[in-house]
C-alpha atoms as a PDB file:
ATOM      1  CA  UNK A   1     -60.524 -86.240 -27.281  1.00  0.00           C
ATOM      2  CA  UNK A   2     -61.417 -88.469 -30.222  1.00  0.00           C
ATOM      3  CA  UNK A   3     -64.272 -88.903 -32.330  1.00  0.00           C
ATOM      4  CA  UNK A   4     -66.258 -91.532 -30.087  1.00  0.00           C
ATOM      5  CA  UNK A   5     -65.428 -89.826 -26.924  1.00  0.00           C
ATOM      6  CA  UNK A   6     -66.890 -86.456 -28.274  1.00  0.00           C
ATOM      7  CA  UNK A   7     -69.958 -88.089 -29.487  1.00  0.00           C
ATOM      8  CA  UNK A   8     -70.257 -89.763 -25.773  1.00  0.00           C
ATOM      9  CA  UNK A   9     -69.903 -86.586 -24.224  1.00  0.00           C
ATOM     10  CA  UNK A  10     -72.087 -84.558 -26.229  1.00  0.00           C
ATOM     11  CA  UNK A  11     -74.904 -87.217 -25.724  1.00  0.00           C
ATOM     12  CA  UNK A  12     -74.349 -87.136 -22.039  1.00  0.00           C
ATOM     13  CA  UNK A  13     -74.841 -83.566 -22.062  1.00  0.00           C
ATOM     14  CA  UNK A  14     -77.824 -83.516 -24.248  1.00  0.00           C
ATOM     15  CA  UNK A  15     -79.163 -86.409 -21.808  1.00  0.00           C
ATOM     16  CA  UNK A  16     -78.785 -84.048 -18.950  1.00  0.00           C
ATOM     17  CA  UNK A  17     -80.412 -80.807 -20.621  1.00  0.00           C
ATOM     18  CA  UNK A  18     -83.171 -82.954 -21.364  1.00  0.00           C
ATOM     19  CA  UNK A  19     -83.778 -84.167 -17.647  1.00  0.00           C
ATOM     20  CA  UNK A  20     -83.704 -80.432 -16.551  1.00  0.00           C
ATOM     21  CA  UNK A  21     -85.708 -79.198 -19.261  1.00  0.00           C
ATOM     22  CA  UNK A  22     -88.599 -76.961 -18.268  1.00  0.00           C
ATOM     23  CA  UNK A  23     -87.849 -77.237 -14.314  1.00  0.00           C
ATOM     24  CA  UNK A  24     -87.740 -74.025 -12.087  1.00  0.00           C
ATOM     25  CA  UNK A  25     -85.099 -74.141  -9.904  1.00  0.00           C
ATOM     26  CA  UNK A  26     -84.340 -72.399  -6.878  1.00  0.00           C
ATOM     27  CA  UNK A  27     -81.200 -71.799  -4.665  1.00  0.00           C
ATOM     28  CA  UNK A  28     -81.650 -71.048  -1.041  1.00  0.00           C
ATOM     29  CA  UNK A  29     -78.286 -69.876  -0.615  1.00  0.00           C
ATOM     30  CA  UNK A  30     -75.963 -68.037  -3.088  1.00  0.00           C
ATOM     31  CA  UNK A  31     -72.574 -68.380  -2.076  1.00  0.00           C
ATOM     32  CA  UNK A  32     -69.756 -70.161  -3.723  1.00  0.00           C
ATOM     33  CA  UNK A  33     -71.846 -73.480  -4.287  1.00  0.00           C
ATOM     34  CA  UNK A  34     -75.114 -71.770  -5.186  1.00  0.00           C
ATOM     35  CA  UNK A  35     -73.184 -69.828  -7.751  1.00  0.00           C
ATOM     36  CA  UNK A  36     -70.849 -72.689  -9.165  1.00  0.00           C
ATOM     37  CA  UNK A  37     -74.420 -74.523  -9.554  1.00  0.00           C
ATOM     38  CA  UNK A  38     -75.874 -71.529 -11.272  1.00  0.00           C
ATOM     39  CA  UNK A  39     -73.083 -70.954 -13.784  1.00  0.00           C
ATOM     40  CA  UNK A  40     -73.046 -74.811 -14.568  1.00  0.00           C
ATOM     41  CA  UNK A  41     -76.741 -74.991 -15.167  1.00  0.00           C
ATOM     42  CA  UNK A  42     -76.712 -71.661 -17.301  1.00  0.00           C
ATOM     43  CA  UNK A  43     -73.727 -73.241 -19.462  1.00  0.00           C
ATOM     44  CA  UNK A  44     -75.807 -76.646 -20.039  1.00  0.00           C
ATOM     45  CA  UNK A  45     -78.282 -74.292 -21.610  1.00  0.00           C
ATOM     46  CA  UNK A  46     -81.064 -73.738 -18.955  1.00  0.00           C
ATOM     47  CA  UNK A  47     -82.893 -70.593 -19.430  1.00  0.00           C
ATOM     48  CA  UNK A  48     -82.005 -68.113 -16.735  1.00  0.00           C
ATOM     49  CA  UNK A  49     -85.453 -66.998 -16.182  1.00  0.00           C
ATOM     50  CA  UNK A  50     -86.088 -70.509 -14.426  1.00  0.00           C
ATOM     51  CA  UNK A  51     -83.415 -70.126 -12.016  1.00  0.00           C
ATOM     52  CA  UNK A  52     -84.093 -68.276  -8.779  1.00  0.00           C
ATOM     53  CA  UNK A  53     -82.101 -67.378  -5.911  1.00  0.00           C
ATOM     54  CA  UNK A  54     -82.399 -66.081  -2.412  1.00  0.00           C
ATOM     55  CA  UNK A  55     -79.417 -64.834  -0.057  1.00  0.00           C
ATOM     56  CA  UNK A  56     -79.790 -62.677   3.400  1.00  0.00           C
ATOM     57  CA  UNK A  57     -76.254 -61.091   2.221  1.00  0.00           C
ATOM     58  CA  UNK A  58     -76.834 -58.147  -0.137  1.00  0.00           C
ATOM     59  CA  UNK A  59     -73.411 -58.167  -1.738  1.00  0.00           C
ATOM     60  CA  UNK A  60     -73.702 -61.403  -2.556  1.00  0.00           C
ATOM     61  CA  UNK A  61     -77.168 -60.675  -3.874  1.00  0.00           C
ATOM     62  CA  UNK A  62     -75.759 -57.896  -6.354  1.00  0.00           C
ATOM     63  CA  UNK A  63     -72.681 -60.112  -7.227  1.00  0.00           C
ATOM     64  CA  UNK A  64     -75.366 -62.654  -8.516  1.00  0.00           C
ATOM     65  CA  UNK A  65     -77.719 -60.375 -10.212  1.00  0.00           C
ATOM     66  CA  UNK A  66     -74.913 -58.686 -11.920  1.00  0.00           C
ATOM     67  CA  UNK A  67     -72.961 -61.854 -12.883  1.00  0.00           C
ATOM     68  CA  UNK A  68     -75.533 -63.860 -13.796  1.00  0.00           C
ATOM     69  CA  UNK A  69     -78.841 -62.070 -14.632  1.00  0.00           C
ATOM     70  CA  UNK A  70     -81.349 -64.385 -12.593  1.00  0.00           C
ATOM     71  CA  UNK A  71     -83.571 -63.581 -10.324  1.00  0.00           C
ATOM     72  CA  UNK A  72     -82.425 -62.955  -6.448  1.00  0.00           C
ATOM     73  CA  UNK A  73     -83.733 -61.836  -3.623  1.00  0.00           C
ATOM     74  CA  UNK A  74     -83.659 -61.561   0.288  1.00  0.00           C
ATOM     75  CA  UNK A  75     -86.316 -63.828   1.044  1.00  0.00           C
ATOM     76  CA  UNK A  76     -86.651 -67.587   0.560  1.00  0.00           C
ATOM     77  CA  UNK A  77     -90.439 -68.202   0.267  1.00  0.00           C
ATOM     78  CA  UNK A  78     -90.583 -66.627  -3.094  1.00  0.00           C
ATOM     79  CA  UNK A  79     -88.082 -69.333  -4.340  1.00  0.00           C
ATOM     80  CA  UNK A  80     -90.033 -72.082  -2.925  1.00  0.00           C
ATOM     81  CA  UNK A  81     -93.557 -70.721  -4.486  1.00  0.00           C
ATOM     82  CA  UNK A  82     -91.879 -70.558  -7.841  1.00  0.00           C
ATOM     83  CA  UNK A  83     -89.274 -73.611  -7.798  1.00  0.00           C
ATOM     84  CA  UNK A  84     -90.179 -77.067  -8.185  1.00  0.00           C
ATOM     85  CA  UNK A  85     -86.589 -78.211  -7.162  1.00  0.00           C
ATOM     86  CA  UNK A  86     -85.441 -76.170  -4.190  1.00  0.00           C
ATOM     87  CA  UNK A  87     -81.299 -76.423  -3.324  1.00  0.00           C
ATOM     88  CA  UNK A  88     -80.569 -75.650   0.204  1.00  0.00           C
ATOM     89  CA  UNK A  89     -77.057 -74.267   0.120  1.00  0.00           C
ATOM     90  CA  UNK A  90     -76.639 -72.651   3.354  1.00  0.00           C
ATOM     91  CA  UNK A  91     -74.240 -73.493   6.173  1.00  0.00           C
ATOM     92  CA  UNK A  92     -75.447 -76.259   8.473  1.00  0.00           C
ATOM     93  CA  UNK A  93     -76.107 -73.794  11.467  1.00  0.00           C
ATOM     94  CA  UNK A  94     -78.580 -71.523   9.152  1.00  0.00           C
ATOM     95  CA  UNK A  95     -80.420 -74.400   8.030  1.00  0.00           C
ATOM     96  CA  UNK A  96     -83.060 -75.017  11.182  1.00  0.00           C
ATOM     97  CA  UNK A  97     -84.076 -71.233  10.598  1.00  0.00           C
ATOM     98  CA  UNK A  98     -84.557 -71.645   6.806  1.00  0.00           C
ATOM     99  CA  UNK A  99     -86.450 -74.660   7.374  1.00  0.00           C
ATOM    100  CA  UNK A 100     -88.562 -73.135   9.941  1.00  0.00           C
ATOM    101  CA  UNK A 101     -89.544 -70.491   7.472  1.00  0.00           C
ATOM    102  CA  UNK A 102     -90.247 -72.268   4.344  1.00  0.00           C
ATOM    103  CA  UNK A 103     -91.442 -76.116   5.764  1.00  0.00           C
ATOM    104  CA  UNK A 104     -95.197 -75.138   5.416  1.00  0.00           C
ATOM    105  CA  UNK A 105     -94.747 -73.983   1.880  1.00  0.00           C
ATOM    106  CA  UNK A 106     -92.853 -76.795   1.097  1.00  0.00           C
ATOM    107  CA  UNK A 107     -95.166 -79.740  -0.614  1.00  0.00           C
ATOM    108  CA  UNK A 108     -95.059 -82.766  -2.559  1.00  0.00           C
ATOM    109  CA  UNK A 109     -94.595 -81.229  -5.693  1.00  0.00           C
ATOM    110  CA  UNK A 110     -91.269 -80.110  -4.819  1.00  0.00           C
ATOM    111  CA  UNK A 111     -87.834 -81.729  -4.695  1.00  0.00           C
ATOM    112  CA  UNK A 112     -85.715 -80.695  -1.864  1.00  0.00           C
ATOM    113  CA  UNK A 113     -81.899 -80.987  -2.009  1.00  0.00           C
ATOM    114  CA  UNK A 114     -79.715 -80.375   0.665  1.00  0.00           C
ATOM    115  CA  UNK A 115     -75.901 -79.583   0.215  1.00  0.00           C
ATOM    116  CA  UNK A 116     -75.454 -78.683   3.865  1.00  0.00           C
ATOM    117  CA  UNK A 117     -72.263 -80.481   5.316  1.00  0.00           C
ATOM    118  CA  UNK A 118     -73.063 -83.241   7.984  1.00  0.00           C
ATOM    119  CA  UNK A 119     -77.031 -82.948   7.961  1.00  0.00           C
ATOM    120  CA  UNK A 120     -78.375 -86.415   7.458  1.00  0.00           C
ATOM    121  CA  UNK A 121     -81.538 -87.411   5.552  1.00  0.00           C
ATOM    122  CA  UNK A 122     -82.666 -88.693   8.869  1.00  0.00           C
ATOM    123  CA  UNK A 123     -82.623 -84.841  10.219  1.00  0.00           C
ATOM    124  CA  UNK A 124     -83.928 -83.371   7.260  1.00  0.00           C
ATOM    125  CA  UNK A 125     -86.883 -86.030   6.728  1.00  0.00           C
ATOM    126  CA  UNK A 126     -87.945 -85.430  10.258  1.00  0.00           C
ATOM    127  CA  UNK A 127     -88.571 -81.496   9.358  1.00  0.00           C
ATOM    128  CA  UNK A 128     -89.857 -81.926   5.983  1.00  0.00           C
ATOM    129  CA  UNK A 129     -92.153 -85.260   6.240  1.00  0.00           C
ATOM    130  CA  UNK A 130     -93.425 -86.515   3.132  1.00  0.00           C
ATOM    131  CA  UNK A 131     -91.192 -84.622   1.012  1.00  0.00           C
ATOM    132  CA  UNK A 132     -88.764 -86.175  -1.305  1.00  0.00           C
ATOM    133  CA  UNK A 133     -85.620 -85.313   0.018  1.00  0.00           C
ATOM    134  CA  UNK A 134     -81.857 -85.749  -1.532  1.00  0.00           C
ATOM    135  CA  UNK A 135     -78.426 -85.138   0.255  1.00  0.00           C
ATOM    136  CA  UNK A 136     -75.509 -84.009  -1.587  1.00  0.00           C
ATOM    137  CA  UNK A 137     -72.272 -83.457  -0.673  1.00  0.00           C
ATOM    138  CA  UNK A 138     -69.966 -81.478  -3.589  1.00  0.00           C
ATOM    139  CA  UNK A 139     -66.649 -80.235  -3.004  1.00  0.00           C
ATOM    140  CA  UNK A 140     -64.520 -77.261  -3.614  1.00  0.00           C
ATOM    141  CA  UNK A 141     -63.420 -77.888  -7.208  1.00  0.00           C
ATOM    142  CA  UNK A 142     -67.179 -77.664  -8.061  1.00  0.00           C
ATOM    143  CA  UNK A 143     -66.676 -73.873  -7.918  1.00  0.00           C
ATOM    144  CA  UNK A 144     -64.890 -74.575 -11.135  1.00  0.00           C
ATOM    145  CA  UNK A 145     -66.585 -76.994 -12.983  1.00  0.00           C
ATOM    146  CA  UNK A 146     -64.517 -79.855 -11.907  1.00  0.00           C
ATOM    147  CA  UNK A 147     -66.379 -81.122  -8.575  1.00  0.00           C
ATOM    148  CA  UNK A 148     -66.795 -84.687  -7.144  1.00  0.00           C
ATOM    149  CA  UNK A 149     -70.288 -85.158  -5.780  1.00  0.00           C
ATOM    150  CA  UNK A 150     -72.004 -87.626  -3.975  1.00  0.00           C
ATOM    151  CA  UNK A 151     -75.654 -88.396  -3.616  1.00  0.00           C
ATOM    152  CA  UNK A 152     -77.773 -90.488  -1.246  1.00  0.00           C
ATOM    153  CA  UNK A 153     -81.928 -90.495  -1.787  1.00  0.00           C
ATOM    154  CA  UNK A 154     -84.391 -90.332   0.671  1.00  0.00           C
ATOM    155  CA  UNK A 155     -87.404 -91.728   0.957  1.00  0.00           C
ATOM    156  CA  UNK A 156     -90.239 -91.052  -1.746  1.00  0.00           C
ATOM    157  CA  UNK A 157     -87.577 -89.876  -4.322  1.00  0.00           C
ATOM    158  CA  UNK A 158     -88.812 -91.000  -7.742  1.00  0.00           C
ATOM    159  CA  UNK A 159     -86.905 -92.124 -10.679  1.00  0.00           C
ATOM    160  CA  UNK A 160     -87.135 -89.176 -12.455  1.00  0.00           C
ATOM    161  CA  UNK A 161     -86.183 -86.986  -9.225  1.00  0.00           C
ATOM    162  CA  UNK A 162     -83.210 -88.834  -9.034  1.00  0.00           C
ATOM    163  CA  UNK A 163     -82.096 -88.563 -12.525  1.00  0.00           C
ATOM    164  CA  UNK A 164     -82.696 -84.479 -11.859  1.00  0.00           C
ATOM    165  CA  UNK A 165     -80.532 -84.387  -8.787  1.00  0.00           C
ATOM    166  CA  UNK A 166     -77.821 -86.400 -10.902  1.00  0.00           C
ATOM    167  CA  UNK A 167     -78.048 -84.170 -13.809  1.00  0.00           C
ATOM    168  CA  UNK A 168     -77.907 -81.123 -11.523  1.00  0.00           C
ATOM    169  CA  UNK A 169     -74.668 -81.663 -10.265  1.00  0.00           C
ATOM    170  CA  UNK A 170     -73.206 -83.245 -13.464  1.00  0.00           C
ATOM    171  CA  UNK A 171     -73.415 -79.413 -14.338  1.00  0.00           C
ATOM    172  CA  UNK A 172     -70.517 -79.146 -11.989  1.00  0.00           C
ATOM    173  CA  UNK A 173     -68.497 -82.281 -12.427  1.00  0.00           C
ATOM    174  CA  UNK A 174     -68.601 -86.083 -11.584  1.00  0.00           C
ATOM    175  CA  UNK A 175     -71.687 -87.388  -9.685  1.00  0.00           C
ATOM    176  CA  UNK A 176     -71.729 -90.898  -7.849  1.00  0.00           C
ATOM    177  CA  UNK A 177     -74.670 -92.170  -5.671  1.00  0.00           C
ATOM    178  CA  UNK A 178     -73.802 -93.778  -2.335  1.00  0.00           C
ATOM    179  CA  UNK A 179     -75.289 -94.955   0.920  1.00  0.00           C
ATOM    180  CA  UNK A 180     -75.427 -92.490   3.419  1.00  0.00           C
ATOM    181  CA  UNK A 181     -73.157 -94.458   5.989  1.00  0.00           C
ATOM    182  CA  UNK A 182     -70.147 -93.736   3.350  1.00  0.00           C
ATOM    183  CA  UNK A 183     -70.582 -89.860   3.502  1.00  0.00           C
ATOM    184  CA  UNK A 184     -68.053 -89.838   6.450  1.00  0.00           C
ATOM    185  CA  UNK A 185     -65.480 -91.758   4.261  1.00  0.00           C
ATOM    186  CA  UNK A 186     -66.425 -89.495   1.212  1.00  0.00           C
ATOM    187  CA  UNK A 187     -66.046 -86.332   3.320  1.00  0.00           C
ATOM    188  CA  UNK A 188     -62.603 -87.338   4.528  1.00  0.00           C
ATOM    189  CA  UNK A 189     -61.399 -88.220   0.758  1.00  0.00           C
ATOM    190  CA  UNK A 190     -62.854 -85.712  -1.211  1.00  0.00           C
ATOM    191  CA  UNK A 191     -64.813 -83.329   0.653  1.00  0.00           C
ATOM    192  CA  UNK A 192     -61.330 -82.452   2.389  1.00  0.00           C
ATOM    193  CA  UNK A 193     -59.217 -83.551  -0.272  1.00  0.00           C
ATOM    194  CA  UNK A 194     -58.293 -79.991  -1.651  1.00  0.00           C
ATOM    195  CA  UNK A 195     -56.796 -78.844   1.435  1.00  0.00           C
ATOM    196  CA  UNK A 196     -54.328 -82.144   1.478  1.00  0.00           C
ATOM    197  CA  UNK A 197     -53.373 -80.907  -2.197  1.00  0.00           C
ATOM    198  CA  UNK A 198     -53.114 -77.519  -1.058  1.00  0.00           C
ATOM    199  CA  UNK A 199     -50.949 -78.134   1.838  1.00  0.00           C
ATOM    200  CA  UNK A 200     -48.895 -80.311  -0.452  1.00  0.00           C
ATOM    201  CA  UNK A 201     -48.433 -77.459  -2.843  1.00  0.00           C
ATOM    202  CA  UNK A 202     -47.070 -75.309   0.184  1.00  0.00           C
ATOM    203  CA  UNK A 203     -44.693 -77.623   1.153  1.00  0.00           C
ATOM    204  CA  UNK A 204     -43.802 -78.026  -2.569  1.00  0.00           C
ATOM    205  CA  UNK A 205     -43.302 -74.405  -2.702  1.00  0.00           C
ATOM    206  CA  UNK A 206     -41.376 -73.807   0.300  1.00  0.00           C
ATOM    207  CA  UNK A 207     -38.962 -76.805  -0.606  1.00  0.00           C
ATOM    208  CA  UNK A 208     -38.522 -75.067  -4.157  1.00  0.00           C
ATOM    209  CA  UNK A 209     -37.681 -71.961  -2.636  1.00  0.00           C
ATOM    210  CA  UNK A 210     -34.782 -73.565  -0.388  1.00  0.00           C
ATOM    211  CA  UNK A 211     -33.390 -75.008  -3.670  1.00  0.00           C
ATOM    212  CA  UNK A 212     -33.200 -71.315  -4.967  1.00  0.00           C
ATOM    213  CA  UNK A 213     -36.239 -71.221  -7.276  1.00  0.00           C
ATOM    214  CA  UNK A 214     -37.990 -67.899  -7.337  1.00  0.00           C
ATOM    215  CA  UNK A 215     -41.736 -67.937  -6.266  1.00  0.00           C
ATOM    216  CA  UNK A 216     -43.282 -67.296  -9.768  1.00  0.00           C
ATOM    217  CA  UNK A 217     -40.901 -70.078 -10.939  1.00  0.00           C
ATOM    218  CA  UNK A 218     -42.068 -72.501  -8.528  1.00  0.00           C
ATOM    219  CA  UNK A 219     -45.551 -71.863  -8.256  1.00  0.00           C
ATOM    220  CA  UNK A 220     -45.526 -72.577 -12.464  1.00  0.00           C
ATOM    221  CA  UNK A 221     -43.702 -75.619 -12.073  1.00  0.00           C
ATOM    222  CA  UNK A 222     -45.443 -77.211  -9.449  1.00  0.00           C
ATOM    223  CA  UNK A 223     -48.911 -76.189 -10.792  1.00  0.00           C
ATOM    224  CA  UNK A 224     -47.756 -77.371 -14.472  1.00  0.00           C
ATOM    225  CA  UNK A 225     -46.615 -80.704 -12.877  1.00  0.00           C
ATOM    226  CA  UNK A 226     -49.651 -81.353 -10.818  1.00  0.00           C
ATOM    227  CA  UNK A 227     -52.340 -80.693 -14.067  1.00  0.00           C
ATOM    228  CA  UNK A 228     -50.057 -82.789 -15.911  1.00  0.00           C
ATOM    229  CA  UNK A 229     -49.699 -85.664 -13.359  1.00  0.00           C
ATOM    230  CA  UNK A 230     -53.412 -85.686 -12.947  1.00  0.00           C
ATOM    231  CA  UNK A 231     -54.112 -85.869 -16.718  1.00  0.00           C
ATOM    232  CA  UNK A 232     -51.509 -88.787 -17.106  1.00  0.00           C
ATOM    233  CA  UNK A 233     -53.206 -90.969 -14.228  1.00  0.00           C
ATOM    234  CA  UNK A 234     -56.535 -90.523 -15.931  1.00  0.00           C
ATOM    235  CA  UNK A 235     -55.297 -91.184 -19.300  1.00  0.00           C
ATOM    236  CA  UNK A 236     -53.245 -93.911 -18.729  1.00  0.00           C
ATOM    237  CA  UNK A 237     -55.807 -96.395 -17.180  1.00  0.00           C
ATOM    238  CA  UNK A 238     -53.025 -98.056 -14.857  1.00  0.00           C
ATOM    239  CA  UNK A 239     -52.482 -97.776 -11.087  1.00  0.00           C
ATOM    240  CA  UNK A 240     -50.615 -95.403  -9.401  1.00  0.00           C
ATOM    241  CA  UNK A 241     -48.220 -97.318  -7.996  1.00  0.00           C
ATOM    242  CA  UNK A 242     -47.286 -98.560 -11.406  1.00  0.00           C
ATOM    243  CA  UNK A 243     -46.938 -94.637 -12.519  1.00  0.00           C
ATOM    244  CA  UNK A 244     -44.387 -94.070  -9.534  1.00  0.00           C
ATOM    245  CA  UNK A 245     -42.434 -96.774 -10.900  1.00  0.00           C
ATOM    246  CA  UNK A 246     -42.028 -95.249 -14.490  1.00  0.00           C
ATOM    247  CA  UNK A 247     -40.760 -92.069 -12.700  1.00  0.00           C
ATOM    248  CA  UNK A 248     -38.894 -93.254 -10.053  1.00  0.00           C
ATOM    249  CA  UNK A 249     -35.747 -95.064 -11.968  1.00  0.00           C
ATOM    250  CA  UNK A 250     -33.417 -97.385  -9.863  1.00  0.00           C
ATOM    251  CA  UNK A 251     -30.790 -95.058  -8.018  1.00  0.00           C
ATOM    252  CA  UNK A 252     -31.846 -92.121  -9.438  1.00  0.00           C
ATOM    253  CA  UNK A 253     -33.335 -88.957  -8.200  1.00  0.00           C
ATOM    254  CA  UNK A 254     -36.887 -89.605  -7.566  1.00  0.00           C
ATOM    255  CA  UNK A 255     -36.163 -92.722  -5.503  1.00  0.00           C
ATOM    256  CA  UNK A 256     -33.876 -90.892  -3.394  1.00  0.00           C
ATOM    257  CA  UNK A 257     -36.995 -88.561  -2.085  1.00  0.00           C
ATOM    258  CA  UNK A 258     -39.261 -91.582  -2.068  1.00  0.00           C
ATOM    259  CA  UNK A 259     -37.035 -93.065   0.340  1.00  0.00           C
ATOM    260  CA  UNK A 260     -37.161 -90.376   2.497  1.00  0.00           C
ATOM    261  CA  UNK A 261     -40.610 -90.216   2.686  1.00  0.00           C
ATOM    262  CA  UNK A 262     -40.567 -93.947   3.232  1.00  0.00           C
ATOM    263  CA  UNK A 263     -38.344 -93.440   6.206  1.00  0.00           C
ATOM    264  CA  UNK A 264     -40.664 -90.626   7.810  1.00  0.00           C
ATOM    265  CA  UNK A 265     -43.437 -93.170   7.417  1.00  0.00           C
ATOM    266  CA  UNK A 266     -45.327 -90.135   5.243  1.00  0.00           C
ATOM    267  CA  UNK A 267     -47.678 -92.792   4.032  1.00  0.00           C
ATOM    268  CA  UNK A 268     -48.995 -94.078   7.538  1.00  0.00           C
ATOM    269  CA  UNK A 269     -49.637 -90.489   8.811  1.00  0.00           C
ATOM    270  CA  UNK A 270     -51.371 -89.594   5.495  1.00  0.00           C
ATOM    271  CA  UNK A 271     -53.658 -92.707   6.390  1.00  0.00           C
ATOM    272  CA  UNK A 272     -54.116 -92.007   9.750  1.00  0.00           C
ATOM    273  CA  UNK A 273     -54.921 -87.913   8.914  1.00  0.00           C
ATOM    274  CA  UNK A 274     -57.736 -88.952   6.660  1.00  0.00           C
ATOM    275  CA  UNK A 275     -59.081 -91.440   9.141  1.00  0.00           C
ATOM    276  CA  UNK A 276     -59.157 -88.574  11.554  1.00  0.00           C
ATOM    277  CA  UNK A 277     -61.310 -86.376   9.267  1.00  0.00           C
ATOM    278  CA  UNK A 278     -63.806 -89.144   8.821  1.00  0.00           C
ATOM    279  CA  UNK A 279     -63.777 -89.568  12.713  1.00  0.00           C
ATOM    280  CA  UNK A 280     -64.564 -85.978  12.982  1.00  0.00           C
ATOM    281  CA  UNK A 281     -67.171 -85.851  10.380  1.00  0.00           C
ATOM    282  CA  UNK A 282     -69.014 -88.702  12.282  1.00  0.00           C
ATOM    283  CA  UNK A 283     -69.010 -86.574  15.369  1.00  0.00           C
ATOM    284  CA  UNK A 284     -70.211 -83.472  13.665  1.00  0.00           C
ATOM    285  CA  UNK A 285     -73.234 -84.939  11.916  1.00  0.00           C
ATOM    286  CA  UNK A 286     -76.678 -84.162  12.635  1.00  0.00           C
ATOM    287  CA  UNK A 287     -79.185 -87.124  13.335  1.00  0.00           C
END
């Protein structure tokens, strides 16, 4: 990272911390994504006494208390009463019961952010009338600070609250704001995306073993190749097709492999798979 990029990065971090300064933030649900957010926010310099969490699972509560030393308990109402921003980080099927507990205690001073998959703004706003609500869809890499989160704003969300929502999820990766009608597409591309990568890695490892490489060597070679390729993709600023051409010299080994993939219509089947994920996302959404 050169000096200009470092300065820009530091400026963005300073702006995010400034946006969140003084806010009390509560997590209802302290599983993987809730803990990712707590970790990211603490890393941004938020004081731990401004973070609150609730989870019904005693094992999770003990882990959060030990790992982060933030206030955590079994009940949701104390979180709502203490926090100005309430993040609903529970499974979709748990959300109706959670809202039944807290909706009488959520007021116009709150910003409610839901990361429950498939729960639309319309569904949330019917149960939280007059309350500013933001819907967010993060993905698994957020748990290691490298996520991709999509946000959409409900009625009545102010400019300051929009900035707060963006700053919260910048703590765990990149953030974009999109209309809710595009959430099914993004679910298929980035929400399900890590599974596509893991699927490819599994096949890649199996192929490496058939060639006589040990599992350890195969895992290291593939992992390093993946990480390095992503860095090249980001640093080069050119399209992926151009990078493929740089690796696949005429009549070479890479071209031989790509010809097999083309002959087997892998590209067509991959697009078909992602479209199936988007269609399923539409079917599962709660309106």
